Amino acid sequence: MIRASAPAKVILFGEHAVVYDKLGIAAAVGIRSFVKIRESKDKFITVIDNRLHLTQTWTEAEVLKLKYFVDESRKKEDYESLRQLSKESVFSPIKYIISLFIDEHGFVPFELSLDSKIPMTSGMGSGSSLFASIAAAVAGFYRLNIQKKEISDITYQGDIIAHGGTPSGIDNNTVVYGGYIAFRKSEKVKVLDIEQKIPIVIGSTGIKGNTAELVAGVRSLIKENPEKKKILDEIGDISQRSIDFIKNGNLEELGVLMNKNHTLLRELGVSHPLVEGLCEAACNAGALGAKLSGAGGGGIMIALADSKESQKKIAEAIKKSGGDAIITDIGVDGVRLAE
C-alpha cells in the first residue's frame, strides 16, 4: 500500500490587492488530506471518499470517456460544461486526474481511499490538497519518478474542473511545494526560501462568502472612491515587508502587519461581524495579530500565537465567540509520499 498526504493553505497577506497586481503571500498549513492506494483484484478502479462516505467504481472506458469530454470542453473554452460536470459529481476532478495516468501509462485496477482533516469550502484549498495527494499516490503506484512540478501541474488540472475555470495557481503550488508562496498576477508563483514554522490558530465562521460578489464590491468601491486605491498599495507593501519577518521569526512585527492588513481589508468592506468578533477575541486572548484570510464575507480568520499555551487560550476565545478553532502551524511540508 502507498500513502500520500498534502497540506491545506491559507492566505497570509494580500487579499483583494492581488486582483490589482499587488503581491500576496500564502502558506501551507499543518492540517492535511490523506490518500491510500493499493492494487485491486477487480477489473475496476474504486474510489472510497471517507469524508463524504461515498464510493465510486469505474471501468477504464468510463474514465477515458470523461477525459475526452474534459479535453474537448477545454479546447472550446467551454467552462460552463466543466462547471456543470463538477456540480453533477464531486468525483469528476478525481476521475480526470486518474485518467491522465491511465491514458499515458495504461490501465491497472486499484482502490483509492481518501480522507481529509481540512474543512471543505473553507478557502483553505481542501480540493487542491486532495488532488495533490491523489496525484502523488497514483504516481507512486505506477512507480513513476515524478517531480513536484508535475504534481502541481496535475493538481491544477483538477482545480480547473472543480472551479469550472482557470484558477490562479496559488492553491496547487502552495499545497505541493509547502512552506510559503509569493504570488503576483503578472508573474509566476514563487516558492520562498523560508523554513520557519509559525504557530497559528484558524478561526472558522462557518459562513461561506461569495468571492465574485466581494471582488466586484471592492471594484465598485474603488471606482466611486479613487483615493481608496492607496489601500491596495499599502496591502501590497505589507506583503513585501512580511517576508523578512517570517524568515527571521519576528512574530511581534508580523503580528503588527496582520492587524494592519486586517484594518485595511475592513476599510475595503470585505470583513464580517463574526470575523471581527473572532479577531478581537483572539487578540484579547494574547494573539500577536489576527486577520481575515481569503476573500472575506465570512470564511476564516487566522491568529498568530507565540507558544502552544497561547494557541490554546486563543482557540478557547475563538470558540466562546462563536467560531470553530483549529490549532496548527504554517510553513509546513508540502505533498509527501510514503510506502
Protein backbone atom coordinates (compact mmCIF):
# COMPACT_ATOMS: atom_id res chain seq x y z
CA MET A 1 0.00 0.00 0.00
CA ILE A 2 1.19 3.50 -0.84
CA ARG A 3 0.21 6.59 1.15
CA ALA A 4 0.38 10.27 0.30
CA SER A 5 -0.65 13.47 2.03
CA ALA A 6 -0.70 17.21 1.34
CA PRO A 7 -1.35 20.28 3.50
CA ALA A 8 -4.06 22.90 3.49
CA LYS A 9 -3.27 26.53 2.68
CA VAL A 10 -4.12 29.98 3.96
CA ILE A 11 -3.60 33.43 2.50
CA LEU A 12 -1.38 35.33 4.94
CA PHE A 13 -1.30 38.70 3.21
CA GLY A 14 -2.53 40.39 0.06
CA GLU A 15 -6.23 39.50 -0.22
CA HIS A 16 -8.06 41.58 -2.86
CA ALA A 17 -4.95 43.64 -3.59
CA VAL A 18 -3.64 40.72 -5.67
CA VAL A 19 -6.53 41.27 -8.10
CA TYR A 20 -4.80 44.58 -8.91
CA ASP A 21 -1.36 43.00 -9.42
CA LYS A 22 -0.10 43.60 -5.87
CA LEU A 23 1.97 41.00 -4.01
CA GLY A 24 0.32 38.31 -1.92
CA ILE A 25 1.71 35.66 0.46
CA ALA A 26 0.24 32.18 1.01
CA ALA A 27 1.39 29.46 3.42
CA ALA A 28 0.99 25.71 3.79
CA VAL A 29 -0.94 24.71 6.91
CA GLY A 30 -0.34 21.68 9.12
CA ILE A 31 -3.74 20.06 8.59
CA ARG A 32 -3.68 17.58 5.74
CA SER A 33 -5.53 15.38 3.29
CA PHE A 34 -4.60 11.68 3.12
CA VAL A 35 -4.75 9.11 0.34
CA LYS A 36 -4.08 5.36 0.35
CA ILE A 37 -3.81 3.27 -2.80
CA ARG A 38 -3.46 -0.46 -3.42
CA GLU A 39 -3.88 -2.82 -6.34
CA SER A 40 -7.37 -4.24 -6.79
CA LYS A 41 -8.35 -7.81 -7.64
CA ASP A 42 -11.37 -6.46 -9.50
CA LYS A 43 -11.24 -5.07 -13.02
CA PHE A 44 -12.29 -1.63 -11.86
CA ILE A 45 -10.96 1.49 -10.22
CA THR A 46 -12.67 2.05 -6.90
CA VAL A 47 -12.56 5.39 -5.07
CA ILE A 48 -13.70 5.49 -1.44
CA ASP A 49 -14.26 9.01 -0.09
CA ASN A 50 -14.29 8.73 3.70
CA ARG A 51 -15.09 12.43 4.06
CA LEU A 52 -18.41 12.09 2.28
CA HIS A 53 -19.00 8.37 2.97
CA LEU A 54 -19.33 7.76 -0.78
CA THR A 55 -17.82 5.14 -3.09
CA GLN A 56 -17.48 5.16 -6.86
CA THR A 57 -16.41 2.36 -9.21
CA TRP A 58 -15.24 2.99 -12.79
CA THR A 59 -14.17 0.95 -15.79
CA GLU A 60 -11.27 2.02 -17.98
CA ALA A 61 -13.72 3.14 -20.69
CA GLU A 62 -15.66 5.33 -18.25
CA VAL A 63 -12.51 7.06 -17.05
CA LEU A 64 -11.22 7.75 -20.55
CA LYS A 65 -14.66 8.94 -21.70
CA LEU A 66 -14.52 11.67 -19.07
CA LYS A 67 -11.00 12.62 -20.17
CA TYR A 68 -12.15 13.06 -23.75
CA PHE A 69 -15.12 15.21 -22.67
CA VAL A 70 -12.97 17.46 -20.44
CA ASP A 71 -10.23 17.84 -23.06
CA GLU A 72 -12.76 18.79 -25.74
CA SER A 73 -14.52 21.26 -23.41
CA ARG A 74 -11.23 22.93 -22.58
CA LYS A 75 -10.28 23.22 -26.26
CA LYS A 76 -13.57 25.04 -26.84
CA GLU A 77 -13.09 27.04 -23.61
CA ASP A 78 -16.49 25.70 -22.62
CA TYR A 79 -16.08 26.27 -18.89
CA GLU A 80 -19.82 26.13 -18.31
CA SER A 81 -19.72 22.40 -19.20
CA LEU A 82 -16.88 21.91 -16.71
CA ARG A 83 -18.81 23.77 -14.02
CA GLN A 84 -21.80 21.54 -14.66
CA LEU A 85 -19.59 18.45 -14.57
CA SER A 86 -18.32 19.37 -11.10
CA LYS A 87 -21.86 20.11 -9.88
CA GLU A 88 -23.07 16.72 -11.08
CA SER A 89 -20.33 14.81 -9.24
CA VAL A 90 -17.66 15.80 -6.72
CA PHE A 91 -15.68 12.88 -8.11
CA SER A 92 -15.21 14.48 -11.55
CA PRO A 93 -11.84 16.17 -10.81
CA ILE A 94 -10.56 12.98 -9.16
CA LYS A 95 -11.68 10.88 -12.12
CA TYR A 96 -9.92 13.24 -14.52
CA ILE A 97 -6.64 13.15 -12.57
CA ILE A 98 -6.73 9.35 -12.66
CA SER A 99 -7.46 9.44 -16.40
CA LEU A 100 -4.21 11.32 -17.04
CA PHE A 101 -2.21 8.39 -15.64
CA ILE A 102 -4.28 5.70 -17.36
CA ASP A 103 -4.06 7.45 -20.72
CA GLU A 104 -0.27 7.66 -20.55
CA HIS A 105 0.74 4.59 -18.55
CA GLY A 106 -2.04 2.06 -19.13
CA PHE A 107 -4.90 0.69 -17.05
CA VAL A 108 -4.17 -1.11 -13.79
CA PRO A 109 -7.12 -1.70 -11.40
CA PHE A 110 -6.66 -0.10 -7.99
CA GLU A 111 -8.52 1.03 -4.90
CA LEU A 112 -8.08 4.62 -3.75
CA SER A 113 -9.13 5.64 -0.23
CA LEU A 114 -9.48 9.37 0.55
CA ASP A 115 -9.67 11.27 3.82
CA SER A 116 -9.01 14.81 4.99
CA LYS A 117 -8.83 16.95 8.12
CA ILE A 118 -9.31 20.12 6.06
CA PRO A 119 -12.75 21.77 6.28
CA MET A 120 -14.43 21.78 2.87
CA THR A 121 -15.45 25.08 1.20
CA SER A 122 -13.36 26.99 3.76
CA GLY A 123 -10.96 28.69 1.37
CA MET A 124 -8.14 26.51 2.68
CA GLY A 125 -7.51 24.59 -0.52
CA SER A 126 -9.19 21.35 0.55
CA GLY A 127 -9.72 20.29 -3.07
CA SER A 128 -6.19 21.12 -4.21
CA SER A 129 -4.73 19.29 -1.23
CA LEU A 130 -6.71 16.17 -2.04
CA PHE A 131 -5.83 16.35 -5.75
CA ALA A 132 -2.13 16.67 -4.92
CA SER A 133 -2.31 13.67 -2.58
CA ILE A 134 -4.06 11.63 -5.28
CA ALA A 135 -1.55 12.62 -7.96
CA ALA A 136 1.39 11.68 -5.72
CA ALA A 137 -0.20 8.39 -4.64
CA VAL A 138 -1.15 7.27 -8.16
CA ALA A 139 2.31 8.25 -9.45
CA GLY A 140 3.81 6.15 -6.66
CA PHE A 141 1.51 3.26 -7.54
CA TYR A 142 2.74 3.39 -11.15
CA ARG A 143 6.35 3.61 -9.88
CA LEU A 144 6.92 6.91 -11.66
CA ASN A 145 9.77 9.24 -10.79
CA ILE A 146 7.51 12.27 -10.72
CA GLN A 147 8.71 15.73 -9.70
CA LYS A 148 6.77 18.28 -7.66
CA LYS A 149 6.35 20.48 -10.73
CA GLU A 150 4.44 17.65 -12.43
CA ILE A 151 2.32 17.01 -9.33
CA SER A 152 1.50 20.73 -9.18
CA ASP A 153 0.51 20.74 -12.86
CA ILE A 154 -1.75 17.71 -12.40
CA THR A 155 -3.29 19.25 -9.27
CA TYR A 156 -4.06 22.35 -11.31
CA GLN A 157 -5.94 20.18 -13.84
CA GLY A 158 -8.18 19.01 -11.03
CA ASP A 159 -8.70 22.60 -9.87
CA ILE A 160 -9.83 23.65 -13.35
CA ILE A 161 -12.71 21.17 -13.18
CA ALA A 162 -13.50 21.83 -9.52
CA HIS A 163 -13.72 25.60 -10.14
CA GLY A 164 -15.12 25.45 -13.67
CA GLY A 165 -12.45 27.81 -14.94
CA THR A 166 -8.78 28.72 -14.73
CA PRO A 167 -7.67 29.19 -11.09
CA SER A 168 -4.81 31.46 -10.01
CA GLY A 169 -2.33 28.64 -9.34
CA ILE A 170 -1.89 29.68 -5.71
CA ASP A 171 -3.59 26.65 -4.16
CA ASN A 172 -1.89 23.91 -6.19
CA ASN A 173 1.59 25.41 -5.76
CA THR A 174 1.17 26.01 -2.02
CA VAL A 175 -0.08 22.51 -1.19
CA VAL A 176 2.53 20.81 -3.39
CA TYR A 177 5.65 22.79 -2.50
CA GLY A 178 4.67 23.69 1.06
CA GLY A 179 6.29 26.47 3.07
CA TYR A 180 5.49 29.97 1.84
CA ILE A 181 4.48 31.18 -1.62
CA ALA A 182 4.68 34.69 -3.08
CA PHE A 183 2.29 35.47 -5.91
CA ARG A 184 1.52 38.37 -8.19
CA LYS A 185 -1.00 38.32 -11.04
CA SER A 186 1.50 39.36 -13.71
CA GLU A 187 4.25 36.97 -12.56
CA LYS A 188 4.77 33.28 -11.93
CA VAL A 189 4.13 31.93 -8.44
CA LYS A 190 7.38 31.90 -6.45
CA VAL A 191 8.32 29.44 -3.71
CA LEU A 192 10.07 31.41 -0.94
CA ASP A 193 13.25 30.03 0.59
CA ILE A 194 11.90 30.01 4.15
CA GLU A 195 11.83 27.03 6.52
CA GLN A 196 10.30 28.82 9.50
CA LYS A 197 7.24 27.14 11.02
CA ILE A 198 4.93 29.55 12.82
CA PRO A 199 2.14 28.71 15.33
CA ILE A 200 -1.32 29.98 14.45
CA VAL A 201 -4.96 29.38 15.28
CA ILE A 202 -7.53 29.30 12.50
CA GLY A 203 -10.99 30.51 13.36
CA SER A 204 -13.83 29.44 11.08
CA THR A 205 -17.11 31.35 10.94
CA GLY A 206 -18.93 28.60 9.10
CA ILE A 207 -20.19 31.28 6.71
CA LYS A 208 -19.24 30.98 3.04
CA GLY A 209 -18.55 34.34 1.45
CA ASN A 210 -19.25 34.95 -2.24
CA THR A 211 -15.83 35.68 -3.73
CA ALA A 212 -17.15 37.08 -7.02
CA GLU A 213 -19.50 39.49 -5.22
CA LEU A 214 -16.79 40.59 -2.78
CA VAL A 215 -14.28 41.25 -5.59
CA ALA A 216 -16.96 43.19 -7.51
CA GLY A 217 -17.75 45.18 -4.36
CA VAL A 218 -14.13 46.26 -3.97
CA ARG A 219 -14.01 47.22 -7.65
CA SER A 220 -17.12 49.41 -7.24
CA LEU A 221 -15.74 50.99 -4.08
CA ILE A 222 -12.50 51.99 -5.83
CA LYS A 223 -14.36 53.27 -8.89
CA GLU A 224 -16.53 55.50 -6.72
CA ASN A 225 -13.64 56.48 -4.40
CA PRO A 226 -10.37 56.55 -6.39
CA GLU A 227 -8.45 57.58 -3.29
CA LYS A 228 -9.12 54.09 -1.90
CA LYS A 229 -6.56 52.71 -4.37
CA LYS A 230 -3.86 53.58 -1.84
CA ILE A 231 -5.29 50.84 0.39
CA LEU A 232 -4.29 48.28 -2.25
CA ASP A 233 -0.77 49.74 -2.39
CA GLU A 234 -0.50 49.51 1.40
CA ILE A 235 -1.63 45.88 1.40
CA GLY A 236 0.93 45.02 -1.28
CA ASP A 237 3.62 46.77 0.76
CA ILE A 238 2.65 44.74 3.85
CA SER A 239 3.04 41.52 1.86
CA GLN A 240 6.55 42.53 0.82
CA ARG A 241 7.58 43.58 4.34
CA SER A 242 6.25 40.36 5.85
CA ILE A 243 8.79 38.16 4.04
CA ASP A 244 11.77 39.20 6.18
CA PHE A 245 9.75 38.97 9.40
CA ILE A 246 8.64 35.42 8.52
CA LYS A 247 12.19 34.43 7.59
CA ASN A 248 13.64 35.85 10.82
CA GLY A 249 10.84 34.57 13.04
CA ASN A 250 10.00 38.11 14.16
CA LEU A 251 6.49 37.27 15.30
CA GLU A 252 5.73 40.55 17.06
CA GLU A 253 6.33 42.62 13.92
CA LEU A 254 4.48 40.01 11.87
CA GLY A 255 1.50 40.38 14.20
CA VAL A 256 1.55 44.15 13.74
CA LEU A 257 1.39 43.65 9.98
CA MET A 258 -1.50 41.20 10.33
CA ASN A 259 -3.52 43.70 12.35
CA LYS A 260 -2.77 46.46 9.86
CA ASN A 261 -3.70 44.25 6.90
CA HIS A 262 -6.99 43.37 8.57
CA THR A 263 -7.80 47.03 9.21
CA LEU A 264 -7.23 47.78 5.52
CA LEU A 265 -9.44 44.87 4.45
CA ARG A 266 -12.15 46.16 6.75
CA GLU A 267 -11.88 49.54 5.01
CA LEU A 268 -12.45 47.74 1.71
CA GLY A 269 -15.71 46.39 3.14
CA VAL A 270 -14.88 42.69 2.90
CA SER A 271 -14.94 41.74 6.59
CA HIS A 272 -17.91 40.34 8.50
CA PRO A 273 -19.25 40.94 12.04
CA LEU A 274 -18.36 37.41 13.15
CA VAL A 275 -14.85 37.71 11.70
CA GLU A 276 -14.44 40.98 13.59
CA GLY A 277 -15.59 39.29 16.79
CA LEU A 278 -13.20 36.37 16.37
CA CYS A 279 -10.24 38.65 15.62
CA GLU A 280 -10.99 40.81 18.65
CA ALA A 281 -11.41 37.77 20.91
CA ALA A 282 -8.13 36.28 19.66
CA CYS A 283 -6.18 39.47 20.31
CA ASN A 284 -7.72 39.86 23.75
CA ALA A 285 -6.61 36.28 24.50
CA GLY A 286 -2.98 37.04 23.63
CA ALA A 287 -2.72 36.74 19.85
CA LEU A 288 0.10 38.85 18.44
CA GLY A 289 -2.09 39.66 15.45
CA ALA A 290 -5.25 38.49 13.72
CA LYS A 291 -6.87 38.99 10.34
CA LEU A 292 -9.38 37.53 7.95
CA SER A 293 -7.87 35.13 5.44
CA GLY A 294 -9.26 34.79 1.94
CA ALA A 295 -12.00 36.69 0.18
CA GLY A 296 -13.88 37.58 3.37
CA GLY A 297 -17.61 37.97 3.87
CA GLY A 298 -17.29 35.22 6.50
CA GLY A 299 -14.92 32.36 5.83
CA ILE A 300 -11.92 32.08 8.13
CA MET A 301 -9.59 34.27 10.15
CA ILE A 302 -6.07 33.50 11.37
CA ALA A 303 -4.47 34.46 14.67
CA LEU A 304 -0.73 34.50 15.36
CA ALA A 305 0.50 32.85 18.58
CA ASP A 306 3.89 32.76 20.27
CA SER A 307 3.56 29.39 22.06
CA LYS A 308 1.45 26.26 22.38
CA GLU A 309 -0.05 27.62 25.59
CA SER A 310 -1.01 30.80 23.79
CA GLN A 311 -2.59 28.78 20.99
CA LYS A 312 -4.84 27.00 23.49
CA LYS A 313 -6.03 30.29 25.04
CA ILE A 314 -6.68 31.83 21.64
CA ALA A 315 -8.59 28.75 20.48
CA GLU A 316 -10.80 28.84 23.56
CA ALA A 317 -11.54 32.52 23.00
CA ILE A 318 -12.48 31.89 19.38
CA LYS A 319 -14.83 29.06 20.38
CA LYS A 320 -16.50 31.23 23.06
CA SER A 321 -17.07 33.89 20.41
CA GLY A 322 -18.94 31.52 18.11
CA GLY A 323 -16.23 30.16 15.83
CA ASP A 324 -14.63 26.79 15.28
CA ALA A 325 -10.91 26.75 16.13
CA ILE A 326 -8.02 24.79 14.65
CA ILE A 327 -4.62 24.85 16.37
CA THR A 328 -1.85 24.33 13.84
CA ASP A 329 1.34 25.69 12.24
CA ILE A 330 2.08 27.37 8.93
CA GLY A 331 5.17 26.85 6.78
CA VAL A 332 4.86 23.05 6.86
CA ASP A 333 5.98 20.47 4.29
CA GLY A 334 4.11 20.14 1.01
CA VAL A 335 2.91 16.92 -0.59
CA ARG A 336 4.54 13.76 0.82
CA LEU A 337 4.68 10.13 -0.31
CA ALA A 338 5.19 7.07 1.91
CA GLU A 339 5.02 3.33 1.33
